[in-house]
Structures are given as structure tokens and as C-alpha cells.
Amino acid sequence: HVWFRKEESERQKQAAGFEGAEDSRPIWQTIIYFGLMILILIFLNWAKPNSATAAGFVVWAYSFKWIISAILAFFLGLSLHLF
């Protein structure tokens, strides 16, 4: 420790600016943000289902994927504006 005292004091002075950099956003806002982004990516990448075997939610989700993605993007923008 005696040999590196000068370097250690310089390192501590440089690191002093990082101590107060805490995120003031609650965890639930971060979860909503990432959840909406993930859902947008899922619906935008939804592939066309095989018409012979697919039915129900898969076909419905493919049919409305652009509308669903637009609604999710609206809520993402709203959450960014409000939070």
C-alpha cells in the first residue's frame, strides 16, 4: 500500500463523481418499460402461421400484429412521457 499510495489517491478522486449517480426510477417503472419493449418485439416478429395447422390465438395475433404493436408502442411512449 505504501508504494501505490499516489495512484490510489488519484483513483479515489476520479471515482468520487460516481458515488451519487443512483437511478431514481422505481423498479416497477423499469419492468413496465422493458416488458412493453419485449412485447413490441414479439408481435412485430410474429411469423405467418401455417393455415393447415394453426388456429385460435396464433392466427388472430398474426392478423392484428400491426395494430397490437402500434397500441403497445403508444403505451411505451406514454410511459416514457409520464415516468
PDB file of N, CA and C in Angstrom:
ATOM      1  N   HIS A   1       0.803  -1.192   0.000  1.00  0.00           N
ATOM      2  CA  HIS A   1       0.000   0.000   0.000  1.00  0.00           C
ATOM      3  C   HIS A   1       0.851   1.264   0.000  1.00  0.00           C
ATOM      4  N   VAL A   2       2.013   1.155   0.520  1.00  0.00           N
ATOM      5  CA  VAL A   2       2.882   2.322   0.597  1.00  0.00           C
ATOM      6  C   VAL A   2       3.349   2.717  -0.795  1.00  0.00           C
ATOM      7  N   TRP A   3       3.605   1.740  -1.650  1.00  0.00           N
ATOM      8  CA  TRP A   3       4.147   2.011  -2.968  1.00  0.00           C
ATOM      9  C   TRP A   3       3.103   2.621  -3.908  1.00  0.00           C
ATOM     10  N   PHE A   4       1.860   2.295  -3.704  1.00  0.00           N
ATOM     11  CA  PHE A   4       0.815   2.730  -4.633  1.00  0.00           C
ATOM     12  C   PHE A   4      -0.091   3.803  -4.036  1.00  0.00           C
ATOM     13  N   ARG A   5       0.382   4.498  -3.035  1.00  0.00           N
ATOM     14  CA  ARG A   5      -0.446   5.495  -2.355  1.00  0.00           C
ATOM     15  C   ARG A   5      -0.865   6.619  -3.307  1.00  0.00           C
ATOM     16  N   LYS A   6       0.035   7.087  -4.142  1.00  0.00           N
ATOM     17  CA  LYS A   6      -0.271   8.180  -5.062  1.00  0.00           C
ATOM     18  C   LYS A   6      -1.323   7.749  -6.088  1.00  0.00           C
ATOM     19  N   GLU A   7      -1.142   6.577  -6.682  1.00  0.00           N
ATOM     20  CA  GLU A   7      -2.103   6.089  -7.669  1.00  0.00           C
ATOM     21  C   GLU A   7      -3.472   5.821  -7.047  1.00  0.00           C
ATOM     22  N   GLU A   8      -3.458   5.318  -5.821  1.00  0.00           N
ATOM     23  CA  GLU A   8      -4.722   5.025  -5.140  1.00  0.00           C
ATOM     24  C   GLU A   8      -5.489   6.306  -4.826  1.00  0.00           C
ATOM     25  N   SER A   9      -4.795   7.345  -4.410  1.00  0.00           N
ATOM     26  CA  SER A   9      -5.484   8.608  -4.113  1.00  0.00           C
ATOM     27  C   SER A   9      -6.038   9.236  -5.392  1.00  0.00           C
ATOM     28  N   GLU A  10      -5.331   9.119  -6.506  1.00  0.00           N
ATOM     29  CA  GLU A  10      -5.836   9.625  -7.788  1.00  0.00           C
ATOM     30  C   GLU A  10      -7.069   8.837  -8.237  1.00  0.00           C
ATOM     31  N   ARG A  11      -7.037   7.536  -8.037  1.00  0.00           N
ATOM     32  CA  ARG A  11      -8.172   6.705  -8.427  1.00  0.00           C
ATOM     33  C   ARG A  11      -9.402   7.048  -7.598  1.00  0.00           C
ATOM     34  N   GLN A  12      -9.218   7.303  -6.319  1.00  0.00           N
ATOM     35  CA  GLN A  12     -10.341   7.664  -5.453  1.00  0.00           C
ATOM     36  C   GLN A  12     -10.912   9.031  -5.809  1.00  0.00           C
ATOM     37  N   LYS A  13     -10.058   9.955  -6.213  1.00  0.00           N
ATOM     38  CA  LYS A  13     -10.542  11.273  -6.635  1.00  0.00           C
ATOM     39  C   LYS A  13     -11.372  11.165  -7.911  1.00  0.00           C
ATOM     40  N   GLN A  14     -10.945  10.321  -8.846  1.00  0.00           N
ATOM     41  CA  GLN A  14     -11.680  10.157 -10.098  1.00  0.00           C
ATOM     42  C   GLN A  14     -12.992   9.417  -9.885  1.00  0.00           C
ATOM     43  N   ALA A  15     -13.021   8.494  -8.950  1.00  0.00           N
ATOM     44  CA  ALA A  15     -14.229   7.709  -8.691  1.00  0.00           C
ATOM     45  C   ALA A  15     -15.228   8.450  -7.819  1.00  0.00           C
ATOM     46  N   ALA A  16     -14.855   9.578  -7.266  1.00  0.00           N
ATOM     47  CA  ALA A  16     -15.750  10.312  -6.364  1.00  0.00           C
ATOM     48  C   ALA A  16     -16.992  10.818  -7.088  1.00  0.00           C
ATOM     49  N   GLY A  17     -16.905  11.073  -8.373  1.00  0.00           N
ATOM     50  CA  GLY A  17     -18.054  11.562  -9.125  1.00  0.00           C
ATOM     51  C   GLY A  17     -19.113  10.515  -9.379  1.00  0.00           C
ATOM     52  N   PHE A  18     -18.808   9.251  -9.191  1.00  0.00           N
ATOM     53  CA  PHE A  18     -19.754   8.176  -9.480  1.00  0.00           C
ATOM     54  C   PHE A  18     -20.586   7.766  -8.274  1.00  0.00           C
ATOM     55  N   GLU A  19     -20.300   8.279  -7.112  1.00  0.00           N
ATOM     56  CA  GLU A  19     -20.999   7.844  -5.907  1.00  0.00           C
ATOM     57  C   GLU A  19     -22.457   8.274  -5.882  1.00  0.00           C
ATOM     58  N   GLY A  20     -22.774   9.465  -6.355  1.00  0.00           N
ATOM     59  CA  GLY A  20     -24.136   9.970  -6.281  1.00  0.00           C
ATOM     60  C   GLY A  20     -24.991   9.628  -7.485  1.00  0.00           C
ATOM     61  N   ALA A  21     -24.508   8.811  -8.385  1.00  0.00           N
ATOM     62  CA  ALA A  21     -25.237   8.504  -9.614  1.00  0.00           C
ATOM     63  C   ALA A  21     -26.159   7.313  -9.412  1.00  0.00           C
ATOM     64  N   GLU A  22     -27.194   7.500  -8.590  1.00  0.00           N
ATOM     65  CA  GLU A  22     -28.167   6.436  -8.373  1.00  0.00           C
ATOM     66  C   GLU A  22     -29.376   6.670  -9.258  1.00  0.00           C
ATOM     67  N   ASP A  23     -30.005   5.589  -9.681  1.00  0.00           N
ATOM     68  CA  ASP A  23     -31.198   5.693 -10.507  1.00  0.00           C
ATOM     69  C   ASP A  23     -32.386   6.008  -9.608  1.00  0.00           C
ATOM     70  N   SER A  24     -33.086   7.070  -9.902  1.00  0.00           N
ATOM     71  CA  SER A  24     -34.219   7.467  -9.071  1.00  0.00           C
ATOM     72  C   SER A  24     -35.520   6.822  -9.532  1.00  0.00           C
ATOM     73  N   ARG A  25     -35.472   6.011 -10.567  1.00  0.00           N
ATOM     74  CA  ARG A  25     -36.670   5.367 -11.101  1.00  0.00           C
ATOM     75  C   ARG A  25     -36.975   4.101 -10.303  1.00  0.00           C
ATOM     76  N   PRO A  26     -38.237   3.929  -9.886  1.00  0.00           N
ATOM     77  CA  PRO A  26     -38.615   2.694  -9.184  1.00  0.00           C
ATOM     78  C   PRO A  26     -38.531   1.478 -10.110  1.00  0.00           C
ATOM     79  N   ILE A  27     -38.396   0.317  -9.513  1.00  0.00           N
ATOM     80  CA  ILE A  27     -38.219  -0.909 -10.289  1.00  0.00           C
ATOM     81  C   ILE A  27     -39.455  -1.240 -11.116  1.00  0.00           C
ATOM     82  N   TRP A  28     -40.645  -0.894 -10.634  1.00  0.00           N
ATOM     83  CA  TRP A  28     -41.853  -1.229 -11.385  1.00  0.00           C
ATOM     84  C   TRP A  28     -41.920  -0.449 -12.692  1.00  0.00           C
ATOM     85  N   GLN A  29     -41.366   0.757 -12.741  1.00  0.00           N
ATOM     86  CA  GLN A  29     -41.332   1.513 -13.990  1.00  0.00           C
ATOM     87  C   GLN A  29     -40.369   0.877 -14.985  1.00  0.00           C
ATOM     88  N   THR A  30     -39.265   0.377 -14.496  1.00  0.00           N
ATOM     89  CA  THR A  30     -38.310  -0.308 -15.363  1.00  0.00           C
ATOM     90  C   THR A  30     -38.904  -1.598 -15.906  1.00  0.00           C
ATOM     91  N   ILE A  31     -39.651  -2.319 -15.082  1.00  0.00           N
ATOM     92  CA  ILE A  31     -40.297  -3.556 -15.525  1.00  0.00           C
ATOM     93  C   ILE A  31     -41.326  -3.260 -16.607  1.00  0.00           C
ATOM     94  N   ILE A  32     -42.118  -2.209 -16.427  1.00  0.00           N
ATOM     95  CA  ILE A  32     -43.104  -1.831 -17.449  1.00  0.00           C
ATOM     96  C   ILE A  32     -42.403  -1.457 -18.745  1.00  0.00           C
ATOM     97  N   TYR A  33     -41.342  -0.687 -18.655  1.00  0.00           N
ATOM     98  CA  TYR A  33     -40.593  -0.254 -19.832  1.00  0.00           C
ATOM     99  C   TYR A  33     -40.046  -1.443 -20.623  1.00  0.00           C
ATOM    100  N   PHE A  34     -39.340  -2.331 -19.947  1.00  0.00           N
ATOM    101  CA  PHE A  34     -38.766  -3.481 -20.641  1.00  0.00           C
ATOM    102  C   PHE A  34     -39.841  -4.460 -21.103  1.00  0.00           C
ATOM    103  N   GLY A  35     -40.894  -4.620 -20.316  1.00  0.00           N
ATOM    104  CA  GLY A  35     -41.983  -5.504 -20.720  1.00  0.00           C
ATOM    105  C   GLY A  35     -42.652  -5.036 -21.997  1.00  0.00           C
ATOM    106  N   LEU A  36     -42.911  -3.738 -22.105  1.00  0.00           N
ATOM    107  CA  LEU A  36     -43.520  -3.208 -23.323  1.00  0.00           C
ATOM    108  C   LEU A  36     -42.586  -3.356 -24.519  1.00  0.00           C
ATOM    109  N   MET A  37     -41.302  -3.118 -24.322  1.00  0.00           N
ATOM    110  CA  MET A  37     -40.363  -3.282 -25.435  1.00  0.00           C
ATOM    111  C   MET A  37     -40.304  -4.730 -25.901  1.00  0.00           C
ATOM    112  N   ILE A  38     -40.306  -5.666 -24.969  1.00  0.00           N
ATOM    113  CA  ILE A  38     -40.262  -7.086 -25.330  1.00  0.00           C
ATOM    114  C   ILE A  38     -41.531  -7.490 -26.064  1.00  0.00           C
ATOM    115  N   LEU A  39     -42.690  -7.045 -25.577  1.00  0.00           N
ATOM    116  CA  LEU A  39     -43.949  -7.374 -26.252  1.00  0.00           C
ATOM    117  C   LEU A  39     -44.007  -6.786 -27.657  1.00  0.00           C
ATOM    118  N   ILE A  40     -43.502  -5.581 -27.833  1.00  0.00           N
ATOM    119  CA  ILE A  40     -43.462  -4.985 -29.171  1.00  0.00           C
ATOM    120  C   ILE A  40     -42.610  -5.833 -30.101  1.00  0.00           C
ATOM    121  N   LEU A  41     -41.447  -6.253 -29.631  1.00  0.00           N
ATOM    122  CA  LEU A  41     -40.582  -7.089 -30.470  1.00  0.00           C
ATOM    123  C   LEU A  41     -41.219  -8.435 -30.788  1.00  0.00           C
ATOM    124  N   ILE A  42     -41.912  -9.013 -29.832  1.00  0.00           N
ATOM    125  CA  ILE A  42     -42.568 -10.303 -30.067  1.00  0.00           C
ATOM    126  C   ILE A  42     -43.629 -10.175 -31.147  1.00  0.00           C
ATOM    127  N   PHE A  43     -44.494  -9.178 -31.029  1.00  0.00           N
ATOM    128  CA  PHE A  43     -45.576  -9.052 -32.001  1.00  0.00           C
ATOM    129  C   PHE A  43     -45.081  -8.593 -33.364  1.00  0.00           C
ATOM    130  N   LEU A  44     -44.043  -7.767 -33.422  1.00  0.00           N
ATOM    131  CA  LEU A  44     -43.522  -7.352 -34.723  1.00  0.00           C
ATOM    132  C   LEU A  44     -42.831  -8.496 -35.456  1.00  0.00           C
ATOM    133  N   ASN A  45     -42.313  -9.464 -34.737  1.00  0.00           N
ATOM    134  CA  ASN A  45     -41.636 -10.599 -35.363  1.00  0.00           C
ATOM    135  C   ASN A  45     -42.529 -11.817 -35.511  1.00  0.00           C
ATOM    136  N   TRP A  46     -43.816 -11.662 -35.317  1.00  0.00           N
ATOM    137  CA  TRP A  46     -44.752 -12.779 -35.397  1.00  0.00           C
ATOM    138  C   TRP A  46     -44.828 -13.254 -36.845  1.00  0.00           C
ATOM    139  N   ALA A  47     -44.498 -14.512 -37.080  1.00  0.00           N
ATOM    140  CA  ALA A  47     -44.481 -15.068 -38.433  1.00  0.00           C
ATOM    141  C   ALA A  47     -45.870 -15.543 -38.846  1.00  0.00           C
ATOM    142  N   LYS A  48     -46.060 -15.648 -40.153  1.00  0.00           N
ATOM    143  CA  LYS A  48     -47.340 -16.116 -40.680  1.00  0.00           C
ATOM    144  C   LYS A  48     -47.509 -17.589 -40.310  1.00  0.00           C
ATOM    145  N   PRO A  49     -48.631 -17.919 -39.682  1.00  0.00           N
ATOM    146  CA  PRO A  49     -48.835 -19.311 -39.270  1.00  0.00           C
ATOM    147  C   PRO A  49     -49.218 -20.196 -40.451  1.00  0.00           C
ATOM    148  N   ASN A  50     -48.963 -21.483 -40.282  1.00  0.00           N
ATOM    149  CA  ASN A  50     -49.369 -22.467 -41.276  1.00  0.00           C
ATOM    150  C   ASN A  50     -50.888 -22.596 -41.202  1.00  0.00           C
ATOM    151  N   SER A  51     -51.559 -22.316 -42.292  1.00  0.00           N
ATOM    152  CA  SER A  51     -53.023 -22.289 -42.273  1.00  0.00           C
ATOM    153  C   SER A  51     -53.637 -23.663 -42.049  1.00  0.00           C
ATOM    154  N   ALA A  52     -52.901 -24.721 -42.322  1.00  0.00           N
ATOM    155  CA  ALA A  52     -53.451 -26.066 -42.151  1.00  0.00           C
ATOM    156  C   ALA A  52     -53.466 -26.495 -40.686  1.00  0.00           C
ATOM    157  N   THR A  53     -52.521 -26.020 -39.898  1.00  0.00           N
ATOM    158  CA  THR A  53     -52.422 -26.494 -38.515  1.00  0.00           C
ATOM    159  C   THR A  53     -52.718 -25.426 -37.471  1.00  0.00           C
ATOM    160  N   ALA A  54     -52.609 -24.161 -37.824  1.00  0.00           N
ATOM    161  CA  ALA A  54     -52.763 -23.099 -36.830  1.00  0.00           C
ATOM    162  C   ALA A  54     -54.221 -22.686 -36.688  1.00  0.00           C
ATOM    163  N   ALA A  55     -54.576 -22.346 -35.474  1.00  0.00           N
ATOM    164  CA  ALA A  55     -55.928 -21.847 -35.220  1.00  0.00           C
ATOM    165  C   ALA A  55     -55.915 -21.036 -33.937  1.00  0.00           C
ATOM    166  N   GLY A  56     -56.941 -20.251 -33.756  1.00  0.00           N
ATOM    167  CA  GLY A  56     -57.109 -19.533 -32.497  1.00  0.00           C
ATOM    168  C   GLY A  56     -56.235 -18.314 -32.369  1.00  0.00           C
ATOM    169  N   PHE A  57     -55.533 -18.244 -31.249  1.00  0.00           N
ATOM    170  CA  PHE A  57     -54.762 -17.057 -30.900  1.00  0.00           C
ATOM    171  C   PHE A  57     -53.640 -16.776 -31.890  1.00  0.00           C
ATOM    172  N   VAL A  58     -53.014 -17.807 -32.427  1.00  0.00           N
ATOM    173  CA  VAL A  58     -51.878 -17.616 -33.336  1.00  0.00           C
ATOM    174  C   VAL A  58     -52.321 -16.881 -34.596  1.00  0.00           C
ATOM    175  N   VAL A  59     -53.433 -17.292 -35.160  1.00  0.00           N
ATOM    176  CA  VAL A  59     -53.949 -16.647 -36.366  1.00  0.00           C
ATOM    177  C   VAL A  59     -54.429 -15.233 -36.038  1.00  0.00           C
ATOM    178  N   TRP A  60     -55.112 -15.094 -34.913  1.00  0.00           N
ATOM    179  CA  TRP A  60     -55.603 -13.780 -34.506  1.00  0.00           C
ATOM    180  C   TRP A  60     -54.441 -12.812 -34.282  1.00  0.00           C
ATOM    181  N   ALA A  61     -53.388 -13.272 -33.601  1.00  0.00           N
ATOM    182  CA  ALA A  61     -52.236 -12.414 -33.319  1.00  0.00           C
ATOM    183  C   ALA A  61     -51.539 -11.997 -34.605  1.00  0.00           C
ATOM    184  N   TYR A  62     -51.449 -12.904 -35.577  1.00  0.00           N
ATOM    185  CA  TYR A  62     -50.828 -12.543 -36.852  1.00  0.00           C
ATOM    186  C   TYR A  62     -51.690 -11.535 -37.608  1.00  0.00           C
ATOM    187  N   SER A  63     -52.992 -11.709 -37.540  1.00  0.00           N
ATOM    188  CA  SER A  63     -53.896 -10.809 -38.262  1.00  0.00           C
ATOM    189  C   SER A  63     -53.838  -9.382 -37.723  1.00  0.00           C
ATOM    190  N   PHE A  64     -53.658  -9.244 -36.430  1.00  0.00           N
ATOM    191  CA  PHE A  64     -53.690  -7.923 -35.808  1.00  0.00           C
ATOM    192  C   PHE A  64     -52.341  -7.483 -35.253  1.00  0.00           C
ATOM    193  N   LYS A  65     -51.239  -8.058 -35.749  1.00  0.00           N
ATOM    194  CA  LYS A  65     -49.942  -7.767 -35.146  1.00  0.00           C
ATOM    195  C   LYS A  65     -49.542  -6.304 -35.284  1.00  0.00           C
ATOM    196  N   TRP A  66     -49.898  -5.649 -36.381  1.00  0.00           N
ATOM    197  CA  TRP A  66     -49.530  -4.244 -36.550  1.00  0.00           C
ATOM    198  C   TRP A  66     -50.351  -3.343 -35.637  1.00  0.00           C
ATOM    199  N   ILE A  67     -51.605  -3.667 -35.465  1.00  0.00           N
ATOM    200  CA  ILE A  67     -52.452  -2.881 -34.565  1.00  0.00           C
ATOM    201  C   ILE A  67     -51.998  -3.064 -33.116  1.00  0.00           C
ATOM    202  N   ILE A  68     -51.729  -4.316 -32.745  1.00  0.00           N
ATOM    203  CA  ILE A  68     -51.261  -4.602 -31.383  1.00  0.00           C
ATOM    204  C   ILE A  68     -49.931  -3.903 -31.118  1.00  0.00           C
ATOM    205  N   SER A  69     -49.022  -3.953 -32.095  1.00  0.00           N
ATOM    206  CA  SER A  69     -47.719  -3.306 -31.935  1.00  0.00           C
ATOM    207  C   SER A  69     -47.858  -1.793 -31.826  1.00  0.00           C
ATOM    208  N   ALA A  70     -48.777  -1.215 -32.591  1.00  0.00           N
ATOM    209  CA  ALA A  70     -48.994   0.232 -32.514  1.00  0.00           C
ATOM    210  C   ALA A  70     -49.554   0.627 -31.149  1.00  0.00           C
ATOM    211  N   ILE A  71     -50.474  -0.163 -30.631  1.00  0.00           N
ATOM    212  CA  ILE A  71     -51.038   0.117 -29.305  1.00  0.00           C
ATOM    213  C   ILE A  71     -49.960   0.001 -28.231  1.00  0.00           C
ATOM    214  N   LEU A  72     -49.141  -1.049 -28.325  1.00  0.00           N
ATOM    215  CA  LEU A  72     -48.051  -1.214 -27.358  1.00  0.00           C
ATOM    216  C   LEU A  72     -47.035  -0.078 -27.465  1.00  0.00           C
ATOM    217  N   ALA A  73     -46.745   0.363 -28.699  1.00  0.00           N
ATOM    218  CA  ALA A  73     -45.819   1.482 -28.883  1.00  0.00           C
ATOM    219  C   ALA A  73     -46.401   2.769 -28.298  1.00  0.00           C
ATOM    220  N   PHE A  74     -47.710   2.946 -28.436  1.00  0.00           N
ATOM    221  CA  PHE A  74     -48.358   4.108 -27.825  1.00  0.00           C
ATOM    222  C   PHE A  74     -48.185   4.081 -26.311  1.00  0.00           C
ATOM    223  N   PHE A  75     -48.423   2.915 -25.703  1.00  0.00           N
ATOM    224  CA  PHE A  75     -48.269   2.811 -24.253  1.00  0.00           C
ATOM    225  C   PHE A  75     -46.807   2.975 -23.827  1.00  0.00           C
ATOM    226  N   LEU A  76     -45.876   2.526 -24.662  1.00  0.00           N
ATOM    227  CA  LEU A  76     -44.459   2.742 -24.363  1.00  0.00           C
ATOM    228  C   LEU A  76     -44.136   4.234 -24.371  1.00  0.00           C
ATOM    229  N   GLY A  77     -44.604   4.935 -25.394  1.00  0.00           N
ATOM    230  CA  GLY A  77     -44.392   6.379 -25.441  1.00  0.00           C
ATOM    231  C   GLY A  77     -45.060   7.097 -24.282  1.00  0.00           C
ATOM    232  N   LEU A  78     -46.257   6.658 -23.931  1.00  0.00           N
ATOM    233  CA  LEU A  78     -46.967   7.245 -22.799  1.00  0.00           C
ATOM    234  C   LEU A  78     -46.210   7.017 -21.493  1.00  0.00           C
ATOM    235  N   SER A  79     -45.683   5.810 -21.329  1.00  0.00           N
ATOM    236  CA  SER A  79     -44.931   5.521 -20.103  1.00  0.00           C
ATOM    237  C   SER A  79     -43.640   6.328 -20.042  1.00  0.00           C
ATOM    238  N   LEU A  80     -43.004   6.549 -21.187  1.00  0.00           N
ATOM    239  CA  LEU A  80     -41.793   7.372 -21.195  1.00  0.00           C
ATOM    240  C   LEU A  80     -42.119   8.828 -20.881  1.00  0.00           C
ATOM    241  N   HIS A  81     -43.273   9.277 -21.331  1.00  0.00           N
ATOM    242  CA  HIS A  81     -43.670  10.661 -21.068  1.00  0.00           C
ATOM    243  C   HIS A  81     -44.072  10.863 -19.605  1.00  0.00           C
ATOM    244  N   LEU A  82     -44.803   9.910 -19.058  1.00  0.00           N
ATOM    245  CA  LEU A  82     -45.317  10.058 -17.699  1.00  0.00           C
ATOM    246  C   LEU A  82     -44.278   9.748 -16.631  1.00  0.00           C
ATOM    247  N   PHE A  83     -43.395   8.797 -16.907  1.00  0.00           N
ATOM    248  CA  PHE A  83     -42.440   8.379 -15.886  1.00  0.00           C
ATOM    249  C   PHE A  83     -41.145   9.104 -16.099  1.00  0.00           C
TER     250      PHE A  83
END
